């Protein structure tokens, strides 16, 4: 029975898909955070430049 259970690979594609989806999600979150930080820095510099003009 144990050999049968170990040899069963019926659910392995679903597990692989879940792992790939998790890695893509983590990469996307990192990219969004970087994009947000960059946008925030740019807005801060615009705010500073605007404050100097007025």
PDB file of N, CA and C in Angstrom:
ATOM      1  N   UNK A   1       0.820  -1.188   0.000  1.00  0.00           N
ATOM      2  CA  UNK A   1       0.000   0.000   0.000  1.00  0.00           C
ATOM      3  C   UNK A   1       0.874   1.266   0.000  1.00  0.00           C
ATOM      4  N   UNK A   2       1.961   1.242   0.763  1.00  0.00           N
ATOM      5  CA  UNK A   2       2.852   2.397   0.818  1.00  0.00           C
ATOM      6  C   UNK A   2       3.519   2.638  -0.536  1.00  0.00           C
ATOM      7  N   UNK A   3       3.920   1.553  -1.220  1.00  0.00           N
ATOM      8  CA  UNK A   3       4.533   1.704  -2.545  1.00  0.00           C
ATOM      9  C   UNK A   3       3.537   2.308  -3.536  1.00  0.00           C
ATOM     10  N   UNK A   4       2.301   1.914  -3.416  1.00  0.00           N
ATOM     11  CA  UNK A   4       1.262   2.441  -4.293  1.00  0.00           C
ATOM     12  C   UNK A   4       1.053   3.941  -4.035  1.00  0.00           C
ATOM     13  N   UNK A   5       1.089   4.320  -2.783  1.00  0.00           N
ATOM     14  CA  UNK A   5       0.896   5.723  -2.418  1.00  0.00           C
ATOM     15  C   UNK A   5       2.081   6.579  -2.864  1.00  0.00           C
ATOM     16  N   UNK A   6       3.287   6.065  -2.702  1.00  0.00           N
ATOM     17  CA  UNK A   6       4.486   6.801  -3.109  1.00  0.00           C
ATOM     18  C   UNK A   6       4.550   6.931  -4.628  1.00  0.00           C
ATOM     19  N   UNK A   7       4.135   5.907  -5.349  1.00  0.00           N
ATOM     20  CA  UNK A   7       4.176   5.923  -6.811  1.00  0.00           C
ATOM     21  C   UNK A   7       3.070   6.736  -7.445  1.00  0.00           C
ATOM     22  N   UNK A   8       2.090   7.165  -6.678  1.00  0.00           N
ATOM     23  CA  UNK A   8       0.968   7.929  -7.221  1.00  0.00           C
ATOM     24  C   UNK A   8       1.411   9.360  -7.500  1.00  0.00           C
ATOM     25  N   UNK A   9       1.351   9.755  -8.753  1.00  0.00           N
ATOM     26  CA  UNK A   9       1.748  11.112  -9.147  1.00  0.00           C
ATOM     27  C   UNK A   9       0.574  11.866  -9.778  1.00  0.00           C
ATOM     28  N   UNK A  10      -0.628  11.488  -9.426  1.00  0.00           N
ATOM     29  CA  UNK A  10      -1.810  12.070 -10.061  1.00  0.00           C
ATOM     30  C   UNK A  10      -1.963  13.555  -9.740  1.00  0.00           C
ATOM     31  N   UNK A  11      -1.568  13.975  -8.556  1.00  0.00           N
ATOM     32  CA  UNK A  11      -1.756  15.371  -8.176  1.00  0.00           C
ATOM     33  C   UNK A  11      -0.536  16.242  -8.385  1.00  0.00           C
ATOM     34  N   UNK A  12       0.536  15.692  -8.940  1.00  0.00           N
ATOM     35  CA  UNK A  12       1.771  16.470  -9.072  1.00  0.00           C
ATOM     36  C   UNK A  12       1.644  17.667 -10.012  1.00  0.00           C
ATOM     37  N   UNK A  13       0.921  17.605 -11.119  1.00  0.00           N
ATOM     38  CA  UNK A  13       0.789  18.829 -11.944  1.00  0.00           C
ATOM     39  C   UNK A  13       0.096  19.969 -11.197  1.00  0.00           C
ATOM     40  N   UNK A  14      -0.864  19.652 -10.366  1.00  0.00           N
ATOM     41  CA  UNK A  14      -1.548  20.693  -9.597  1.00  0.00           C
ATOM     42  C   UNK A  14      -0.593  21.335  -8.589  1.00  0.00           C
ATOM     43  N   UNK A  15       0.237  20.534  -7.974  1.00  0.00           N
ATOM     44  CA  UNK A  15       1.206  21.059  -7.013  1.00  0.00           C
ATOM     45  C   UNK A  15       2.230  21.935  -7.731  1.00  0.00           C
ATOM     46  N   UNK A  16       2.695  21.486  -8.886  1.00  0.00           N
ATOM     47  CA  UNK A  16       3.653  22.282  -9.653  1.00  0.00           C
ATOM     48  C   UNK A  16       3.034  23.610 -10.075  1.00  0.00           C
ATOM     49  N   UNK A  17       1.794  23.576 -10.497  1.00  0.00           N
ATOM     50  CA  UNK A  17       1.106  24.798 -10.899  1.00  0.00           C
ATOM     51  C   UNK A  17       0.981  25.750  -9.713  1.00  0.00           C
ATOM     52  N   UNK A  18       0.667  25.225  -8.545  1.00  0.00           N
ATOM     53  CA  UNK A  18       0.537  26.065  -7.353  1.00  0.00           C
ATOM     54  C   UNK A  18       1.875  26.703  -6.985  1.00  0.00           C
ATOM     55  N   UNK A  19       2.951  25.965  -7.118  1.00  0.00           N
ATOM     56  CA  UNK A  19       4.273  26.511  -6.808  1.00  0.00           C
ATOM     57  C   UNK A  19       4.640  27.616  -7.799  1.00  0.00           C
ATOM     58  N   UNK A  20       4.383  27.385  -9.076  1.00  0.00           N
ATOM     59  CA  UNK A  20       4.675  28.402 -10.092  1.00  0.00           C
ATOM     60  C   UNK A  20       3.836  29.649  -9.841  1.00  0.00           C
ATOM     61  N   UNK A  21       2.556  29.462  -9.520  1.00  0.00           N
ATOM     62  CA  UNK A  21       1.677  30.606  -9.249  1.00  0.00           C
ATOM     63  C   UNK A  21       2.172  31.391  -8.035  1.00  0.00           C
ATOM     64  N   UNK A  22       2.641  30.703  -7.013  1.00  0.00           N
ATOM     65  CA  UNK A  22       3.155  31.379  -5.822  1.00  0.00           C
ATOM     66  C   UNK A  22       4.413  32.184  -6.144  1.00  0.00           C
ATOM     67  N   UNK A  23       5.302  31.622  -6.943  1.00  0.00           N
ATOM     68  CA  UNK A  23       6.540  32.329  -7.306  1.00  0.00           C
ATOM     69  C   UNK A  23       6.215  33.561  -8.146  1.00  0.00           C
ATOM     70  N   UNK A  24       5.282  33.432  -9.082  1.00  0.00           N
ATOM     71  CA  UNK A  24       4.887  34.579  -9.903  1.00  0.00           C
ATOM     72  C   UNK A  24       4.245  35.658  -9.035  1.00  0.00           C
ATOM     73  N   UNK A  25       3.432  35.256  -8.081  1.00  0.00           N
ATOM     74  CA  UNK A  25       2.794  36.231  -7.192  1.00  0.00           C
ATOM     75  C   UNK A  25       3.819  36.990  -6.365  1.00  0.00           C
ATOM     76  N   UNK A  26       4.806  36.293  -5.851  1.00  0.00           N
ATOM     77  CA  UNK A  26       5.853  36.943  -5.054  1.00  0.00           C
ATOM     78  C   UNK A  26       6.651  37.910  -5.920  1.00  0.00           C
ATOM     79  N   UNK A  27       6.962  37.506  -7.152  1.00  0.00           N
ATOM     80  CA  UNK A  27       7.694  38.397  -8.056  1.00  0.00           C
ATOM     81  C   UNK A  27       6.865  39.638  -8.389  1.00  0.00           C
ATOM     82  N   UNK A  28       5.573  39.457  -8.610  1.00  0.00           N
ATOM     83  CA  UNK A  28       4.704  40.594  -8.918  1.00  0.00           C
ATOM     84  C   UNK A  28       4.618  41.550  -7.731  1.00  0.00           C
ATOM     85  N   UNK A  29       4.503  41.016  -6.533  1.00  0.00           N
ATOM     86  CA  UNK A  29       4.458  41.879  -5.349  1.00  0.00           C
ATOM     87  C   UNK A  29       5.743  42.689  -5.202  1.00  0.00           C
ATOM     88  N   UNK A  30       6.861  42.071  -5.449  1.00  0.00           N
ATOM     89  CA  UNK A  30       8.135  42.785  -5.394  1.00  0.00           C
ATOM     90  C   UNK A  30       8.209  43.888  -6.439  1.00  0.00           C
ATOM     91  N   UNK A  31       7.729  43.588  -7.642  1.00  0.00           N
ATOM     92  CA  UNK A  31       7.742  44.599  -8.707  1.00  0.00           C
ATOM     93  C   UNK A  31       6.811  45.758  -8.371  1.00  0.00           C
ATOM     94  N   UNK A  32       5.632  45.450  -7.827  1.00  0.00           N
ATOM     95  CA  UNK A  32       4.696  46.514  -7.467  1.00  0.00           C
ATOM     96  C   UNK A  32       5.248  47.387  -6.348  1.00  0.00           C
ATOM     97  N   UNK A  33       5.934  46.781  -5.394  1.00  0.00           N
ATOM     98  CA  UNK A  33       6.522  47.563  -4.308  1.00  0.00           C
ATOM     99  C   UNK A  33       7.604  48.494  -4.849  1.00  0.00           C
ATOM    100  N   UNK A  34       8.445  47.972  -5.724  1.00  0.00           N
ATOM    101  CA  UNK A  34       9.492  48.792  -6.327  1.00  0.00           C
ATOM    102  C   UNK A  34       8.887  49.936  -7.133  1.00  0.00           C
ATOM    103  N   UNK A  35       7.862  49.641  -7.903  1.00  0.00           N
ATOM    104  CA  UNK A  35       7.186  50.671  -8.692  1.00  0.00           C
ATOM    105  C   UNK A  35       6.557  51.724  -7.779  1.00  0.00           C
ATOM    106  N   UNK A  36       5.959  51.296  -6.686  1.00  0.00           N
ATOM    107  CA  UNK A  36       5.364  52.233  -5.740  1.00  0.00           C
ATOM    108  C   UNK A  36       6.397  53.123  -5.080  1.00  0.00           C
ATOM    109  N   UNK A  37       7.523  52.541  -4.709  1.00  0.00           N
ATOM    110  CA  UNK A  37       8.597  53.339  -4.097  1.00  0.00           C
ATOM    111  C   UNK A  37       9.137  54.373  -5.086  1.00  0.00           C
ATOM    112  N   UNK A  38       9.315  53.958  -6.331  1.00  0.00           N
ATOM    113  CA  UNK A  38       9.813  54.872  -7.353  1.00  0.00           C
ATOM    114  C   UNK A  38       8.822  56.003  -7.591  1.00  0.00           C
ATOM    115  N   UNK A  39       7.545  55.668  -7.685  1.00  0.00           N
ATOM    116  CA  UNK A  39       6.516  56.691  -7.887  1.00  0.00           C
ATOM    117  C   UNK A  39       6.463  57.654  -6.708  1.00  0.00           C
ATOM    118  N   UNK A  40       6.590  57.125  -5.514  1.00  0.00           N
ATOM    119  CA  UNK A  40       6.571  57.966  -4.323  1.00  0.00           C
ATOM    120  C   UNK A  40       7.749  58.933  -4.318  1.00  0.00           C
ATOM    121  N   UNK A  41       8.924  58.440  -4.688  1.00  0.00           N
ATOM    122  CA  UNK A  41      10.108  59.305  -4.743  1.00  0.00           C
ATOM    123  C   UNK A  41       9.937  60.401  -5.794  1.00  0.00           C
ATOM    124  N   UNK A  42       9.372  60.045  -6.933  1.00  0.00           N
ATOM    125  CA  UNK A  42       9.161  61.051  -7.982  1.00  0.00           C
ATOM    126  C   UNK A  42       8.146  62.096  -7.535  1.00  0.00           C
ATOM    127  N   UNK A  43       7.088  61.670  -6.886  1.00  0.00           N
ATOM    128  CA  UNK A  43       6.083  62.622  -6.409  1.00  0.00           C
ATOM    129  C   UNK A  43       6.666  63.540  -5.328  1.00  0.00           C
ATOM    130  N   UNK A  44       7.541  63.012  -4.500  1.00  0.00           N
ATOM    131  CA  UNK A  44       8.191  63.841  -3.479  1.00  0.00           C
ATOM    132  C   UNK A  44       9.061  64.911  -4.121  1.00  0.00           C
ATOM    133  N   UNK A  45       9.779  64.541  -5.183  1.00  0.00           N
ATOM    134  CA  UNK A  45      10.621  65.538  -5.849  1.00  0.00           C
ATOM    135  C   UNK A  45       9.768  66.580  -6.569  1.00  0.00           C
ATOM    136  N   UNK A  46       8.637  66.171  -7.125  1.00  0.00           N
ATOM    137  CA  UNK A  46       7.721  67.136  -7.747  1.00  0.00           C
ATOM    138  C   UNK A  46       7.149  68.072  -6.689  1.00  0.00           C
ATOM    139  N   UNK A  47       6.792  67.513  -5.542  1.00  0.00           N
ATOM    140  CA  UNK A  47       6.240  68.335  -4.450  1.00  0.00           C
ATOM    141  C   UNK A  47       7.285  69.353  -3.979  1.00  0.00           C
ATOM    142  N   UNK A  48       8.511  68.924  -3.848  1.00  0.00           N
ATOM    143  CA  UNK A  48       9.585  69.827  -3.415  1.00  0.00           C
ATOM    144  C   UNK A  48       9.806  70.939  -4.446  1.00  0.00           C
ATOM    145  N   UNK A  49       9.834  70.586  -5.717  1.00  0.00           N
ATOM    146  CA  UNK A  49      10.032  71.580  -6.766  1.00  0.00           C
ATOM    147  C   UNK A  49       8.864  72.555  -6.807  1.00  0.00           C
ATOM    148  N   UNK A  50       7.660  72.066  -6.612  1.00  0.00           N
ATOM    149  CA  UNK A  50       6.485  72.925  -6.609  1.00  0.00           C
ATOM    150  C   UNK A  50       6.503  73.875  -5.417  1.00  0.00           C
ATOM    151  N   UNK A  51       6.957  73.392  -4.280  1.00  0.00           N
ATOM    152  CA  UNK A  51       7.034  74.229  -3.078  1.00  0.00           C
ATOM    153  C   UNK A  51       8.071  75.345  -3.259  1.00  0.00           C
ATOM    154  N   UNK A  52       9.143  75.070  -3.978  1.00  0.00           N
ATOM    155  CA  UNK A  52      10.176  76.093  -4.227  1.00  0.00           C
ATOM    156  C   UNK A  52       9.650  77.197  -5.138  1.00  0.00           C
ATOM    157  N   UNK A  53       8.782  76.838  -6.072  1.00  0.00           N
ATOM    158  CA  UNK A  53       8.243  77.821  -7.025  1.00  0.00           C
ATOM    159  C   UNK A  53       7.251  78.736  -6.346  1.00  0.00           C
ATOM    160  N   UNK A  54       6.442  78.191  -5.472  1.00  0.00           N
ATOM    161  CA  UNK A  54       5.408  79.004  -4.809  1.00  0.00           C
ATOM    162  C   UNK A  54       5.952  79.558  -3.546  1.00  0.00           C
TER     163      UNK A  54
END
